[in-house]
Amino acid sequence: MGDVVRLPVRREQQETREAPEPLWRESVGRALRDERHGQGKRLVDAAEAAGVSPQYLSEVERGLKDPSSELLAAMAGALGLSVGTLATRVGSTAPHSPVCLAA
């Protein structure tokens, strides 16, 4: 297969015992799930409206999958959001994380 490459540990976080910052996909998934719950929509209904499987949407919401921009637009659109609105929400919830730079 190949060699295992160890990634460096974030020393500044390790020394202060802070929790690591969430990844972009985790923050986006959380925002999608929160919006879906806020609207009272079921996973299967939101997935159908977005044209994705319920399993895939579930994996995105749990931060396990990193969707393409097209799929992200479809999932956000199924909830009445634009990608820009979703990115702004994600960025505003973590003011000191790299997520803000991505938004």
PDB file of N, CA and C in Angstrom:
ATOM      1  N   MET A   1       0.812  -1.188   0.000  1.00  0.00           N
ATOM      2  CA  MET A   1       0.000   0.000   0.000  1.00  0.00           C
ATOM      3  C   MET A   1       0.853   1.248   0.000  1.00  0.00           C
ATOM      4  N   GLY A   2       1.568   1.469   1.033  1.00  0.00           N
ATOM      5  CA  GLY A   2       2.390   2.665   1.136  1.00  0.00           C
ATOM      6  C   GLY A   2       2.800   2.875   2.570  1.00  0.00           C
ATOM      7  N   ASP A   3       3.620   3.872   2.750  1.00  0.00           N
ATOM      8  CA  ASP A   3       4.094   4.184   4.085  1.00  0.00           C
ATOM      9  C   ASP A   3       3.092   5.048   4.828  1.00  0.00           C
ATOM     10  N   VAL A   4       3.031   4.877   6.114  1.00  0.00           N
ATOM     11  CA  VAL A   4       2.199   5.716   6.959  1.00  0.00           C
ATOM     12  C   VAL A   4       2.976   6.980   7.273  1.00  0.00           C
ATOM     13  N   VAL A   5       2.365   8.112   6.999  1.00  0.00           N
ATOM     14  CA  VAL A   5       3.003   9.400   7.245  1.00  0.00           C
ATOM     15  C   VAL A   5       2.317  10.031   8.450  1.00  0.00           C
ATOM     16  N   ARG A   6       3.057  10.290   9.479  1.00  0.00           N
ATOM     17  CA  ARG A   6       2.498  10.918  10.679  1.00  0.00           C
ATOM     18  C   ARG A   6       2.473  12.427  10.480  1.00  0.00           C
ATOM     19  N   LEU A   7       1.324  12.994  10.788  1.00  0.00           N
ATOM     20  CA  LEU A   7       1.193  14.443  10.693  1.00  0.00           C
ATOM     21  C   LEU A   7       1.638  15.078  11.999  1.00  0.00           C
ATOM     22  N   PRO A   8       2.194  16.273  11.931  1.00  0.00           N
ATOM     23  CA  PRO A   8       2.659  16.928  13.162  1.00  0.00           C
ATOM     24  C   PRO A   8       1.485  17.277  14.079  1.00  0.00           C
ATOM     25  N   VAL A   9       1.708  17.191  15.361  1.00  0.00           N
ATOM     26  CA  VAL A   9       0.718  17.554  16.362  1.00  0.00           C
ATOM     27  C   VAL A   9       0.747  19.061  16.534  1.00  0.00           C
ATOM     28  N   ARG A  10      -0.407  19.648  16.677  1.00  0.00           N
ATOM     29  CA  ARG A  10      -0.468  21.090  16.923  1.00  0.00           C
ATOM     30  C   ARG A  10       0.021  21.349  18.342  1.00  0.00           C
ATOM     31  N   ARG A  11       1.264  21.712  18.470  1.00  0.00           N
ATOM     32  CA  ARG A  11       1.888  21.844  19.781  1.00  0.00           C
ATOM     33  C   ARG A  11       1.252  22.926  20.639  1.00  0.00           C
ATOM     34  N   GLU A  12       0.879  24.038  20.040  1.00  0.00           N
ATOM     35  CA  GLU A  12       0.300  25.107  20.851  1.00  0.00           C
ATOM     36  C   GLU A  12      -1.006  24.670  21.508  1.00  0.00           C
ATOM     37  N   GLN A  13      -1.779  23.849  20.838  1.00  0.00           N
ATOM     38  CA  GLN A  13      -3.019  23.354  21.430  1.00  0.00           C
ATOM     39  C   GLN A  13      -2.739  22.231  22.424  1.00  0.00           C
ATOM     40  N   GLN A  14      -1.731  21.420  22.129  1.00  0.00           N
ATOM     41  CA  GLN A  14      -1.405  20.325  23.018  1.00  0.00           C
ATOM     42  C   GLN A  14      -0.899  20.860  24.356  1.00  0.00           C
ATOM     43  N   GLU A  15      -0.078  21.890  24.307  1.00  0.00           N
ATOM     44  CA  GLU A  15       0.496  22.437  25.536  1.00  0.00           C
ATOM     45  C   GLU A  15      -0.557  23.108  26.408  1.00  0.00           C
ATOM     46  N   THR A  16      -1.540  23.749  25.804  1.00  0.00           N
ATOM     47  CA  THR A  16      -2.566  24.450  26.579  1.00  0.00           C
ATOM     48  C   THR A  16      -3.768  23.561  26.875  1.00  0.00           C
ATOM     49  N   ARG A  17      -3.780  22.380  26.325  1.00  0.00           N
ATOM     50  CA  ARG A  17      -4.856  21.403  26.544  1.00  0.00           C
ATOM     51  C   ARG A  17      -6.210  21.900  26.025  1.00  0.00           C
ATOM     52  N   GLU A  18      -6.166  22.761  25.001  1.00  0.00           N
ATOM     53  CA  GLU A  18      -7.390  23.212  24.374  1.00  0.00           C
ATOM     54  C   GLU A  18      -7.893  22.132  23.437  1.00  0.00           C
ATOM     55  N   ALA A  19      -9.184  22.131  23.228  1.00  0.00           N
ATOM     56  CA  ALA A  19      -9.749  21.213  22.253  1.00  0.00           C
ATOM     57  C   ALA A  19      -9.331  21.683  20.857  1.00  0.00           C
ATOM     58  N   PRO A  20      -9.056  20.763  19.955  1.00  0.00           N
ATOM     59  CA  PRO A  20      -8.663  21.179  18.607  1.00  0.00           C
ATOM     60  C   PRO A  20      -9.821  21.887  17.899  1.00  0.00           C
ATOM     61  N   GLU A  21      -9.461  22.804  17.035  1.00  0.00           N
ATOM     62  CA  GLU A  21     -10.484  23.498  16.264  1.00  0.00           C
ATOM     63  C   GLU A  21     -11.191  22.505  15.352  1.00  0.00           C
ATOM     64  N   PRO A  22     -12.490  22.687  15.148  1.00  0.00           N
ATOM     65  CA  PRO A  22     -13.204  21.765  14.258  1.00  0.00           C
ATOM     66  C   PRO A  22     -12.755  21.966  12.810  1.00  0.00           C
ATOM     67  N   LEU A  23     -12.824  20.920  12.048  1.00  0.00           N
ATOM     68  CA  LEU A  23     -12.529  21.001  10.623  1.00  0.00           C
ATOM     69  C   LEU A  23     -13.688  21.696   9.920  1.00  0.00           C
ATOM     70  N   TRP A  24     -13.425  22.227   8.743  1.00  0.00           N
ATOM     71  CA  TRP A  24     -14.455  22.904   7.947  1.00  0.00           C
ATOM     72  C   TRP A  24     -15.649  21.977   7.731  1.00  0.00           C
ATOM     73  N   ARG A  25     -15.389  20.728   7.357  1.00  0.00           N
ATOM     74  CA  ARG A  25     -16.494  19.811   7.068  1.00  0.00           C
ATOM     75  C   ARG A  25     -17.333  19.544   8.314  1.00  0.00           C
ATOM     76  N   GLU A  26     -16.714  19.529   9.480  1.00  0.00           N
ATOM     77  CA  GLU A  26     -17.469  19.329  10.724  1.00  0.00           C
ATOM     78  C   GLU A  26     -18.353  20.534  11.025  1.00  0.00           C
ATOM     79  N   SER A  27     -17.822  21.721  10.826  1.00  0.00           N
ATOM     80  CA  SER A  27     -18.587  22.937  11.083  1.00  0.00           C
ATOM     81  C   SER A  27     -19.730  23.098  10.093  1.00  0.00           C
ATOM     82  N   VAL A  28     -19.477  22.799   8.832  1.00  0.00           N
ATOM     83  CA  VAL A  28     -20.527  22.879   7.815  1.00  0.00           C
ATOM     84  C   VAL A  28     -21.615  21.851   8.107  1.00  0.00           C
ATOM     85  N   GLY A  29     -21.211  20.648   8.433  1.00  0.00           N
ATOM     86  CA  GLY A  29     -22.189  19.601   8.744  1.00  0.00           C
ATOM     87  C   GLY A  29     -23.058  19.971   9.927  1.00  0.00           C
ATOM     88  N   ARG A  30     -22.451  20.536  10.950  1.00  0.00           N
ATOM     89  CA  ARG A  30     -23.202  20.952  12.136  1.00  0.00           C
ATOM     90  C   ARG A  30     -24.204  22.050  11.777  1.00  0.00           C
ATOM     91  N   ALA A  31     -23.773  23.002  10.930  1.00  0.00           N
ATOM     92  CA  ALA A  31     -24.665  24.089  10.521  1.00  0.00           C
ATOM     93  C   ALA A  31     -25.829  23.559   9.688  1.00  0.00           C
ATOM     94  N   LEU A  32     -25.564  22.617   8.788  1.00  0.00           N
ATOM     95  CA  LEU A  32     -26.645  22.022   7.999  1.00  0.00           C
ATOM     96  C   LEU A  32     -27.634  21.281   8.892  1.00  0.00           C
ATOM     97  N   ARG A  33     -27.117  20.496   9.818  1.00  0.00           N
ATOM     98  CA  ARG A  33     -27.986  19.742  10.725  1.00  0.00           C
ATOM     99  C   ARG A  33     -28.820  20.684  11.600  1.00  0.00           C
ATOM    100  N   ASP A  34     -28.182  21.733  12.130  1.00  0.00           N
ATOM    101  CA  ASP A  34     -28.907  22.685  12.966  1.00  0.00           C
ATOM    102  C   ASP A  34     -30.029  23.365  12.185  1.00  0.00           C
ATOM    103  N   GLU A  35     -29.746  23.732  10.941  1.00  0.00           N
ATOM    104  CA  GLU A  35     -30.768  24.370  10.105  1.00  0.00           C
ATOM    105  C   GLU A  35     -31.908  23.399   9.810  1.00  0.00           C
ATOM    106  N   ARG A  36     -31.551  22.169   9.474  1.00  0.00           N
ATOM    107  CA  ARG A  36     -32.588  21.162   9.175  1.00  0.00           C
ATOM    108  C   ARG A  36     -33.462  20.922  10.392  1.00  0.00           C
ATOM    109  N   HIS A  37     -32.843  20.764  11.547  1.00  0.00           N
ATOM    110  CA  HIS A  37     -33.623  20.571  12.778  1.00  0.00           C
ATOM    111  C   HIS A  37     -34.484  21.785  13.084  1.00  0.00           C
ATOM    112  N   GLY A  38     -33.922  22.973  12.873  1.00  0.00           N
ATOM    113  CA  GLY A  38     -34.664  24.205  13.121  1.00  0.00           C
ATOM    114  C   GLY A  38     -35.905  24.322  12.252  1.00  0.00           C
ATOM    115  N   GLN A  39     -35.829  23.771  11.059  1.00  0.00           N
ATOM    116  CA  GLN A  39     -36.976  23.789  10.152  1.00  0.00           C
ATOM    117  C   GLN A  39     -37.913  22.604  10.386  1.00  0.00           C
ATOM    118  N   GLY A  40     -37.510  21.692  11.250  1.00  0.00           N
ATOM    119  CA  GLY A  40     -38.338  20.522  11.532  1.00  0.00           C
ATOM    120  C   GLY A  40     -38.380  19.519  10.395  1.00  0.00           C
ATOM    121  N   LYS A  41     -37.361  19.536   9.541  1.00  0.00           N
ATOM    122  CA  LYS A  41     -37.332  18.609   8.406  1.00  0.00           C
ATOM    123  C   LYS A  41     -36.647  17.308   8.792  1.00  0.00           C
ATOM    124  N   ARG A  42     -37.157  16.237   8.240  1.00  0.00           N
ATOM    125  CA  ARG A  42     -36.524  14.935   8.425  1.00  0.00           C
ATOM    126  C   ARG A  42     -35.335  14.807   7.481  1.00  0.00           C
ATOM    127  N   LEU A  43     -34.394  13.983   7.864  1.00  0.00           N
ATOM    128  CA  LEU A  43     -33.200  13.748   7.059  1.00  0.00           C
ATOM    129  C   LEU A  43     -33.575  13.277   5.657  1.00  0.00           C
ATOM    130  N   VAL A  44     -34.506  12.351   5.563  1.00  0.00           N
ATOM    131  CA  VAL A  44     -34.869  11.800   4.254  1.00  0.00           C
ATOM    132  C   VAL A  44     -35.514  12.854   3.364  1.00  0.00           C
ATOM    133  N   ASP A  45     -36.277  13.758   3.939  1.00  0.00           N
ATOM    134  CA  ASP A  45     -36.918  14.802   3.148  1.00  0.00           C
ATOM    135  C   ASP A  45     -35.895  15.810   2.624  1.00  0.00           C
ATOM    136  N   ALA A  46     -34.962  16.224   3.479  1.00  0.00           N
ATOM    137  CA  ALA A  46     -33.921  17.163   3.054  1.00  0.00           C
ATOM    138  C   ALA A  46     -33.017  16.515   2.008  1.00  0.00           C
ATOM    139  N   ALA A  47     -32.691  15.245   2.193  1.00  0.00           N
ATOM    140  CA  ALA A  47     -31.838  14.541   1.238  1.00  0.00           C
ATOM    141  C   ALA A  47     -32.525  14.427  -0.119  1.00  0.00           C
ATOM    142  N   GLU A  48     -33.796  14.107  -0.111  1.00  0.00           N
ATOM    143  CA  GLU A  48     -34.541  13.985  -1.366  1.00  0.00           C
ATOM    144  C   GLU A  48     -34.583  15.332  -2.094  1.00  0.00           C
ATOM    145  N   ALA A  49     -34.835  16.406  -1.361  1.00  0.00           N
ATOM    146  CA  ALA A  49     -34.881  17.737  -1.970  1.00  0.00           C
ATOM    147  C   ALA A  49     -33.528  18.131  -2.545  1.00  0.00           C
ATOM    148  N   ALA A  50     -32.448  17.661  -1.935  1.00  0.00           N
ATOM    149  CA  ALA A  50     -31.097  17.983  -2.406  1.00  0.00           C
ATOM    150  C   ALA A  50     -30.618  17.043  -3.502  1.00  0.00           C
ATOM    151  N   GLY A  51     -31.304  15.921  -3.689  1.00  0.00           N
ATOM    152  CA  GLY A  51     -30.887  14.954  -4.697  1.00  0.00           C
ATOM    153  C   GLY A  51     -29.724  14.088  -4.261  1.00  0.00           C
ATOM    154  N   VAL A  52     -29.615  13.878  -2.944  1.00  0.00           N
ATOM    155  CA  VAL A  52     -28.564  13.001  -2.409  1.00  0.00           C
ATOM    156  C   VAL A  52     -29.228  11.916  -1.567  1.00  0.00           C
ATOM    157  N   SER A  53     -28.475  10.898  -1.249  1.00  0.00           N
ATOM    158  CA  SER A  53     -29.034   9.837  -0.413  1.00  0.00           C
ATOM    159  C   SER A  53     -29.078  10.302   1.046  1.00  0.00           C
ATOM    160  N   PRO A  54     -30.021   9.768   1.817  1.00  0.00           N
ATOM    161  CA  PRO A  54     -30.047  10.100   3.245  1.00  0.00           C
ATOM    162  C   PRO A  54     -28.756   9.714   3.948  1.00  0.00           C
ATOM    163  N   GLN A  55     -28.142   8.618   3.523  1.00  0.00           N
ATOM    164  CA  GLN A  55     -26.888   8.186   4.130  1.00  0.00           C
ATOM    165  C   GLN A  55     -25.788   9.217   3.897  1.00  0.00           C
ATOM    166  N   TYR A  56     -25.726   9.750   2.676  1.00  0.00           N
ATOM    167  CA  TYR A  56     -24.697  10.739   2.364  1.00  0.00           C
ATOM    168  C   TYR A  56     -24.914  12.019   3.161  1.00  0.00           C
ATOM    169  N   LEU A  57     -26.156  12.503   3.201  1.00  0.00           N
ATOM    170  CA  LEU A  57     -26.444  13.714   3.965  1.00  0.00           C
ATOM    171  C   LEU A  57     -26.114  13.507   5.441  1.00  0.00           C
ATOM    172  N   SER A  58     -26.420  12.337   5.957  1.00  0.00           N
ATOM    173  CA  SER A  58     -26.092  12.038   7.348  1.00  0.00           C
ATOM    174  C   SER A  58     -24.585  12.099   7.589  1.00  0.00           C
ATOM    175  N   GLU A  59     -23.808  11.550   6.662  1.00  0.00           N
ATOM    176  CA  GLU A  59     -22.351  11.579   6.801  1.00  0.00           C
ATOM    177  C   GLU A  59     -21.811  13.002   6.713  1.00  0.00           C
ATOM    178  N   VAL A  60     -22.406  13.830   5.859  1.00  0.00           N
ATOM    179  CA  VAL A  60     -21.995  15.231   5.767  1.00  0.00           C
ATOM    180  C   VAL A  60     -22.313  15.946   7.071  1.00  0.00           C
ATOM    181  N   GLU A  61     -23.519  15.739   7.591  1.00  0.00           N
ATOM    182  CA  GLU A  61     -23.920  16.396   8.829  1.00  0.00           C
ATOM    183  C   GLU A  61     -23.054  15.984  10.012  1.00  0.00           C
ATOM    184  N   ARG A  62     -22.548  14.765   9.991  1.00  0.00           N
ATOM    185  CA  ARG A  62     -21.683  14.297  11.079  1.00  0.00           C
ATOM    186  C   ARG A  62     -20.220  14.646  10.851  1.00  0.00           C
ATOM    187  N   GLY A  63     -19.919  15.351   9.751  1.00  0.00           N
ATOM    188  CA  GLY A  63     -18.548  15.779   9.477  1.00  0.00           C
ATOM    189  C   GLY A  63     -17.653  14.685   8.944  1.00  0.00           C
ATOM    190  N   LEU A  64     -18.238  13.625   8.412  1.00  0.00           N
ATOM    191  CA  LEU A  64     -17.442  12.516   7.898  1.00  0.00           C
ATOM    192  C   LEU A  64     -17.115  12.654   6.419  1.00  0.00           C
ATOM    193  N   LYS A  65     -17.933  13.421   5.700  1.00  0.00           N
ATOM    194  CA  LYS A  65     -17.723  13.630   4.267  1.00  0.00           C
ATOM    195  C   LYS A  65     -17.522  15.110   4.006  1.00  0.00           C
ATOM    196  N   ASP A  66     -16.699  15.411   3.011  1.00  0.00           N
ATOM    197  CA  ASP A  66     -16.428  16.777   2.598  1.00  0.00           C
ATOM    198  C   ASP A  66     -17.057  16.945   1.217  1.00  0.00           C
ATOM    199  N   PRO A  67     -18.255  17.513   1.144  1.00  0.00           N
ATOM    200  CA  PRO A  67     -18.966  17.556  -0.137  1.00  0.00           C
ATOM    201  C   PRO A  67     -18.333  18.530  -1.133  1.00  0.00           C
ATOM    202  N   SER A  68     -18.541  18.236  -2.407  1.00  0.00           N
ATOM    203  CA  SER A  68     -18.109  19.166  -3.452  1.00  0.00           C
ATOM    204  C   SER A  68     -18.951  20.436  -3.351  1.00  0.00           C
ATOM    205  N   SER A  69     -18.527  21.469  -4.035  1.00  0.00           N
ATOM    206  CA  SER A  69     -19.278  22.726  -3.990  1.00  0.00           C
ATOM    207  C   SER A  69     -20.670  22.554  -4.587  1.00  0.00           C
ATOM    208  N   GLU A  70     -20.803  21.704  -5.603  1.00  0.00           N
ATOM    209  CA  GLU A  70     -22.109  21.459  -6.213  1.00  0.00           C
ATOM    210  C   GLU A  70     -23.051  20.769  -5.233  1.00  0.00           C
ATOM    211  N   LEU A  71     -22.547  19.763  -4.533  1.00  0.00           N
ATOM    212  CA  LEU A  71     -23.393  19.059  -3.564  1.00  0.00           C
ATOM    213  C   LEU A  71     -23.704  19.940  -2.363  1.00  0.00           C
ATOM    214  N   LEU A  72     -22.743  20.742  -1.944  1.00  0.00           N
ATOM    215  CA  LEU A  72     -22.981  21.662  -0.842  1.00  0.00           C
ATOM    216  C   LEU A  72     -24.078  22.653  -1.219  1.00  0.00           C
ATOM    217  N   ALA A  73     -24.027  23.164  -2.445  1.00  0.00           N
ATOM    218  CA  ALA A  73     -25.061  24.089  -2.911  1.00  0.00           C
ATOM    219  C   ALA A  73     -26.426  23.405  -2.940  1.00  0.00           C
ATOM    220  N   ALA A  74     -26.471  22.145  -3.353  1.00  0.00           N
ATOM    221  CA  ALA A  74     -27.738  21.418  -3.398  1.00  0.00           C
ATOM    222  C   ALA A  74     -28.297  21.187  -1.994  1.00  0.00           C
ATOM    223  N   MET A  75     -27.435  20.817  -1.055  1.00  0.00           N
ATOM    224  CA  MET A  75     -27.890  20.557   0.312  1.00  0.00           C
ATOM    225  C   MET A  75     -28.323  21.842   1.000  1.00  0.00           C
ATOM    226  N   ALA A  76     -27.564  22.907   0.809  1.00  0.00           N
ATOM    227  CA  ALA A  76     -27.942  24.194   1.395  1.00  0.00           C
ATOM    228  C   ALA A  76     -29.236  24.694   0.751  1.00  0.00           C
ATOM    229  N   GLY A  77     -29.329  24.569  -0.565  1.00  0.00           N
ATOM    230  CA  GLY A  77     -30.523  25.003  -1.281  1.00  0.00           C
ATOM    231  C   GLY A  77     -31.774  24.266  -0.853  1.00  0.00           C
ATOM    232  N   ALA A  78     -31.632  22.993  -0.522  1.00  0.00           N
ATOM    233  CA  ALA A  78     -32.776  22.207  -0.050  1.00  0.00           C
ATOM    234  C   ALA A  78     -33.314  22.757   1.264  1.00  0.00           C
ATOM    235  N   LEU A  79     -32.480  23.509   1.966  1.00  0.00           N
ATOM    236  CA  LEU A  79     -32.894  24.117   3.234  1.00  0.00           C
ATOM    237  C   LEU A  79     -33.166  25.616   3.081  1.00  0.00           C
ATOM    238  N   GLY A  80     -33.157  26.095   1.840  1.00  0.00           N
ATOM    239  CA  GLY A  80     -33.432  27.502   1.592  1.00  0.00           C
ATOM    240  C   GLY A  80     -32.271  28.424   1.865  1.00  0.00           C
ATOM    241  N   LEU A  81     -31.051  27.877   1.860  1.00  0.00           N
ATOM    242  CA  LEU A  81     -29.852  28.671   2.119  1.00  0.00           C
ATOM    243  C   LEU A  81     -28.983  28.739   0.873  1.00  0.00           C
ATOM    244  N   SER A  82     -28.214  29.800   0.755  1.00  0.00           N
ATOM    245  CA  SER A  82     -27.179  29.862  -0.271  1.00  0.00           C
ATOM    246  C   SER A  82     -25.881  29.364   0.358  1.00  0.00           C
ATOM    247  N   VAL A  83     -24.925  29.031  -0.474  1.00  0.00           N
ATOM    248  CA  VAL A  83     -23.620  28.604   0.039  1.00  0.00           C
ATOM    249  C   VAL A  83     -22.963  29.753   0.804  1.00  0.00           C
ATOM    250  N   GLY A  84     -23.141  30.969   0.318  1.00  0.00           N
ATOM    251  CA  GLY A  84     -22.577  32.128   1.002  1.00  0.00           C
ATOM    252  C   GLY A  84     -23.158  32.322   2.388  1.00  0.00           C
ATOM    253  N   THR A  85     -24.466  32.162   2.508  1.00  0.00           N
ATOM    254  CA  THR A  85     -25.114  32.286   3.816  1.00  0.00           C
ATOM    255  C   THR A  85     -24.619  31.205   4.760  1.00  0.00           C
ATOM    256  N   LEU A  86     -24.516  29.990   4.255  1.00  0.00           N
ATOM    257  CA  LEU A  86     -24.028  28.879   5.069  1.00  0.00           C
ATOM    258  C   LEU A  86     -22.596  29.142   5.524  1.00  0.00           C
ATOM    259  N   ALA A  87     -21.733  29.599   4.608  1.00  0.00           N
ATOM    260  CA  ALA A  87     -20.335  29.876   4.959  1.00  0.00           C
ATOM    261  C   ALA A  87     -20.242  31.001   5.990  1.00  0.00           C
ATOM    262  N   THR A  88     -21.091  32.004   5.850  1.00  0.00           N
ATOM    263  CA  THR A  88     -21.095  33.106   6.811  1.00  0.00           C
ATOM    264  C   THR A  88     -21.504  32.617   8.191  1.00  0.00           C
ATOM    265  N   ARG A  89     -22.519  31.768   8.245  1.00  0.00           N
ATOM    266  CA  ARG A  89     -22.945  31.204   9.535  1.00  0.00           C
ATOM    267  C   ARG A  89     -21.829  30.399  10.176  1.00  0.00           C
ATOM    268  N   VAL A  90     -21.183  29.571   9.385  1.00  0.00           N
ATOM    269  CA  VAL A  90     -20.105  28.733   9.909  1.00  0.00           C
ATOM    270  C   VAL A  90     -18.970  29.616  10.412  1.00  0.00           C
ATOM    271  N   GLY A  91     -18.611  30.626   9.641  1.00  0.00           N
ATOM    272  CA  GLY A  91     -17.524  31.517  10.025  1.00  0.00           C
ATOM    273  C   GLY A  91     -17.839  32.339  11.256  1.00  0.00           C
ATOM    274  N   SER A  92     -19.085  32.705  11.428  1.00  0.00           N
ATOM    275  CA  SER A  92     -19.439  33.554  12.567  1.00  0.00           C
ATOM    276  C   SER A  92     -19.517  32.779  13.871  1.00  0.00           C
ATOM    277  N   THR A  93     -19.588  31.465  13.813  1.00  0.00           N
ATOM    278  CA  THR A  93     -19.658  30.671  15.040  1.00  0.00           C
ATOM    279  C   THR A  93     -18.287  30.366  15.614  1.00  0.00           C
ATOM    280  N   ALA A  94     -17.237  30.581  14.838  1.00  0.00           N
ATOM    281  CA  ALA A  94     -15.877  30.283  15.302  1.00  0.00           C
ATOM    282  C   ALA A  94     -14.968  31.432  14.911  1.00  0.00           C
ATOM    283  N   PRO A  95     -14.996  32.538  15.662  1.00  0.00           N
ATOM    284  CA  PRO A  95     -14.272  33.744  15.252  1.00  0.00           C
ATOM    285  C   PRO A  95     -12.753  33.624  15.210  1.00  0.00           C
ATOM    286  N   HIS A  96     -12.169  32.629  15.856  1.00  0.00           N
ATOM    287  CA  HIS A  96     -10.703  32.529  15.865  1.00  0.00           C
ATOM    288  C   HIS A  96     -10.194  31.311  15.100  1.00  0.00           C
ATOM    289  N   SER A  97     -11.040  30.740  14.271  1.00  0.00           N
ATOM    290  CA  SER A  97     -10.594  29.545  13.576  1.00  0.00           C
ATOM    291  C   SER A  97     -10.328  29.839  12.106  1.00  0.00           C
ATOM    292  N   PRO A  98      -9.631  28.932  11.420  1.00  0.00           N
ATOM    293  CA  PRO A  98      -9.367  29.100   9.985  1.00  0.00           C
ATOM    294  C   PRO A  98     -10.649  29.101   9.180  1.00  0.00           C
ATOM    295  N   VAL A  99     -11.746  28.663   9.756  1.00  0.00           N
ATOM    296  CA  VAL A  99     -13.015  28.657   9.044  1.00  0.00           C
ATOM    297  C   VAL A  99     -13.361  30.064   8.581  1.00  0.00           C
ATOM    298  N   CYS A 100     -13.070  31.064   9.400  1.00  0.00           N
ATOM    299  CA  CYS A 100     -13.363  32.458   9.031  1.00  0.00           C
ATOM    300  C   CYS A 100     -12.599  32.848   7.777  1.00  0.00           C
ATOM    301  N   LEU A 101     -11.393  32.369   7.648  1.00  0.00           N
ATOM    302  CA  LEU A 101     -10.597  32.706   6.493  1.00  0.00           C
ATOM    303  C   LEU A 101     -11.171  32.047   5.245  1.00  0.00           C
ATOM    304  N   ALA A 102     -11.768  30.867   5.394  1.00  0.00           N
ATOM    305  CA  ALA A 102     -12.346  30.161   4.261  1.00  0.00           C
ATOM    306  C   ALA A 102     -13.666  30.799   3.850  1.00  0.00           C
ATOM    307  N   ALA A 103     -14.356  31.405   4.793  1.00  0.00           N
ATOM    308  CA  ALA A 103     -15.650  32.009   4.472  1.00  0.00           C
ATOM    309  C   ALA A 103     -15.397  33.292   3.754  1.00  0.00           C
TER     310      ALA A 103
END
